[in-house]
């Protein structure tokens, strides 16, 4: 079945003018190509990694469906898709956001970032913002009490000093 295209009268006049100019002009120009747009209608998908996903690799990602969530809040549809990771390393078992690019391929754009291995159920906390693992910033020490600060315009971890009880 052929797909229709919608445009207004002004666009139609420009197309007609361009066609007439082309028909009078140089035929050595390459032909105009039209890009096929996905009928998917969902340019963003949510998935879950099944194994560690290293930057630069392509991986099959299990999709998460909002309309069929299990008791953990994750979809269980069993569908997956092939996606490319050009962004950052991601541990296995993490929720990821995938976006459809103009080339028709799916790419990682955001990921749940947690300290430690596993799915986060064993006391793991997620210090990530926008897919960035804050534990990778300078001076991070998991054995110290720290705050996130900045120096010369760059984020860094600053170790706190405990005050003795009763001191001011």
Protein backbone atom coordinates (compact mmCIF):
# COMPACT_ATOMS: atom_id res chain seq x y z
CA UNK A 1 0.00 0.00 0.00
CA UNK A 2 1.38 3.41 -0.97
CA UNK A 3 1.93 5.96 1.74
CA UNK A 4 0.50 9.45 1.38
CA UNK A 5 2.35 12.71 1.91
CA UNK A 6 0.67 15.85 3.23
CA UNK A 7 1.78 19.38 2.38
CA UNK A 8 0.16 22.74 1.76
CA UNK A 9 -0.41 24.84 -1.39
CA UNK A 10 2.79 26.83 -0.83
CA UNK A 11 4.84 23.64 -0.69
CA UNK A 12 3.11 22.35 -3.83
CA UNK A 13 4.04 25.57 -5.71
CA UNK A 14 7.69 25.25 -4.62
CA UNK A 15 7.77 21.60 -5.74
CA UNK A 16 6.28 22.51 -9.12
CA UNK A 17 8.77 25.38 -9.57
CA UNK A 18 11.72 23.16 -8.61
CA UNK A 19 10.52 20.41 -10.97
CA UNK A 20 10.18 22.87 -13.89
CA UNK A 21 13.64 24.34 -13.15
CA UNK A 22 15.13 20.85 -13.07
CA UNK A 23 13.46 19.85 -16.34
CA UNK A 24 14.99 22.93 -18.03
CA UNK A 25 18.37 22.51 -16.34
CA UNK A 26 21.44 20.30 -16.11
CA UNK A 27 20.58 16.57 -16.10
CA UNK A 28 24.02 15.64 -14.70
CA UNK A 29 22.86 16.36 -11.15
CA UNK A 30 22.32 13.29 -8.93
CA UNK A 31 18.67 12.34 -8.35
CA UNK A 32 16.83 13.54 -5.26
CA UNK A 33 16.55 10.77 -2.66
CA UNK A 34 13.84 10.50 -0.03
CA UNK A 35 14.61 8.95 3.35
CA UNK A 36 12.16 6.35 4.65
CA UNK A 37 10.87 7.34 8.08
CA UNK A 38 10.16 4.58 10.58
CA UNK A 39 6.50 3.67 11.08
CA UNK A 40 7.39 2.54 14.59
CA UNK A 41 6.04 5.75 16.13
CA UNK A 42 8.21 5.22 19.23
CA UNK A 43 11.57 7.01 18.81
CA UNK A 44 12.50 6.23 22.45
CA UNK A 45 12.41 2.74 24.01
CA UNK A 46 13.24 1.56 27.51
CA UNK A 47 15.21 -1.66 27.93
CA UNK A 48 17.32 -3.63 30.34
CA UNK A 49 20.86 -4.84 29.67
CA UNK A 50 21.38 -8.58 29.98
CA UNK A 51 25.18 -8.36 30.30
CA UNK A 52 27.82 -5.64 30.74
CA UNK A 53 27.74 -3.31 27.72
CA UNK A 54 31.06 -1.71 26.80
CA UNK A 55 31.26 1.62 24.94
CA UNK A 56 31.69 0.96 21.21
CA UNK A 57 29.86 -2.39 21.26
CA UNK A 58 26.50 -3.45 19.86
CA UNK A 59 24.22 -5.54 22.09
CA UNK A 60 20.79 -7.14 22.14
CA UNK A 61 18.71 -5.24 24.75
CA UNK A 62 15.55 -6.67 26.38
CA UNK A 63 12.68 -4.18 26.03
CA UNK A 64 10.59 -3.01 28.98
CA UNK A 65 6.87 -2.51 28.39
CA UNK A 66 4.87 -0.02 30.47
CA UNK A 67 1.60 -1.85 29.82
CA UNK A 68 2.78 -5.24 31.12
CA UNK A 69 4.88 -4.62 34.22
CA UNK A 70 5.68 -7.38 36.66
CA UNK A 71 5.88 -6.90 40.44
CA UNK A 72 9.31 -5.24 40.16
CA UNK A 73 7.97 -2.64 37.75
CA UNK A 74 9.89 -4.02 34.78
CA UNK A 75 8.17 -5.24 31.65
CA UNK A 76 8.27 -8.89 30.82
CA UNK A 77 7.35 -8.86 27.14
CA UNK A 78 10.37 -10.89 26.07
CA UNK A 79 10.99 -8.67 23.02
CA UNK A 80 14.46 -7.28 22.34
CA UNK A 81 16.30 -5.15 19.80
CA UNK A 82 19.87 -4.60 18.64
CA UNK A 83 21.34 -1.28 19.84
CA UNK A 84 24.68 0.51 19.59
CA UNK A 85 26.57 1.98 22.56
CA UNK A 86 28.65 5.01 21.58
CA UNK A 87 28.38 6.65 25.02
CA UNK A 88 29.74 4.87 28.14
CA UNK A 89 30.18 1.47 29.79
CA UNK A 90 27.03 0.02 31.41
CA UNK A 91 26.82 -2.87 33.91
CA UNK A 92 24.54 -5.81 33.19
CA UNK A 93 21.00 -5.71 34.56
CA UNK A 94 20.65 -1.91 34.18
CA UNK A 95 17.66 0.01 32.82
CA UNK A 96 18.62 1.90 29.64
CA UNK A 97 16.98 4.46 27.37
CA UNK A 98 17.41 3.87 23.62
CA UNK A 99 16.72 6.36 20.83
CA UNK A 100 16.08 5.76 17.14
CA UNK A 101 18.51 7.74 14.98
CA UNK A 102 17.90 9.02 11.46
CA UNK A 103 19.95 6.14 10.06
CA UNK A 104 17.30 3.71 11.39
CA UNK A 105 19.56 2.31 14.13
CA UNK A 106 18.94 2.31 17.90
CA UNK A 107 21.51 3.96 20.19
CA UNK A 108 22.04 4.10 23.95
CA UNK A 109 21.31 7.62 25.25
CA UNK A 110 20.95 7.09 29.02
CA UNK A 111 21.55 4.33 31.55
CA UNK A 112 20.94 3.56 35.20
CA UNK A 113 24.31 3.88 36.88
CA UNK A 114 24.89 1.95 40.13
CA UNK A 115 27.84 1.21 42.35
CA UNK A 116 28.71 -2.47 42.47
CA UNK A 117 27.49 -5.41 40.44
CA UNK A 118 24.01 -6.85 40.16
CA UNK A 119 20.60 -5.32 39.83
CA UNK A 120 20.73 -2.87 42.73
CA UNK A 121 18.65 -5.01 45.09
CA UNK A 122 21.51 -5.72 47.53
CA UNK A 123 21.83 -2.21 48.97
CA UNK A 124 23.31 -0.79 45.80
CA UNK A 125 22.72 2.92 45.36
CA UNK A 126 22.70 4.80 42.07
CA UNK A 127 24.95 7.87 42.14
CA UNK A 128 24.34 8.60 38.48
CA UNK A 129 22.98 11.71 36.83
CA UNK A 130 22.03 11.40 33.17
CA UNK A 131 23.95 8.16 32.77
CA UNK A 132 27.15 9.56 34.24
CA UNK A 133 28.76 7.53 37.02
CA UNK A 134 29.73 10.12 39.64
CA UNK A 135 32.08 7.63 41.30
CA UNK A 136 34.37 8.14 38.31
CA UNK A 137 34.95 11.81 39.16
CA UNK A 138 38.33 12.83 40.65
CA UNK A 139 39.13 11.98 44.29
CA UNK A 140 36.23 9.54 44.84
CA UNK A 141 36.91 7.24 47.80
CA UNK A 142 34.18 4.72 48.74
CA UNK A 143 35.68 4.34 52.23
CA UNK A 144 35.29 8.02 53.13
CA UNK A 145 32.36 10.35 53.84
CA UNK A 146 32.42 12.81 50.96
CA UNK A 147 30.47 15.60 49.32
CA UNK A 148 30.44 16.55 45.66
CA UNK A 149 31.92 19.98 45.07
CA UNK A 150 33.76 21.90 42.40
CA UNK A 151 37.17 23.43 41.89
CA UNK A 152 38.18 25.63 38.94
CA UNK A 153 34.88 24.84 37.21
CA UNK A 154 35.24 21.04 37.51
CA UNK A 155 33.29 18.63 39.71
CA UNK A 156 35.28 16.62 42.25
CA UNK A 157 34.75 14.67 45.47
CA UNK A 158 35.76 16.37 48.73
CA UNK A 159 36.40 14.28 51.85
CA UNK A 160 34.69 15.64 54.94
CA UNK A 161 36.29 16.01 58.36
CA UNK A 162 34.37 14.78 61.41
CA UNK A 163 33.94 17.19 64.27
CA UNK A 164 34.43 15.94 67.79
CA UNK A 165 31.26 15.79 69.83
CA UNK A 166 30.76 18.96 71.85
CA UNK A 167 33.11 21.09 69.71
CA UNK A 168 31.98 24.02 67.65
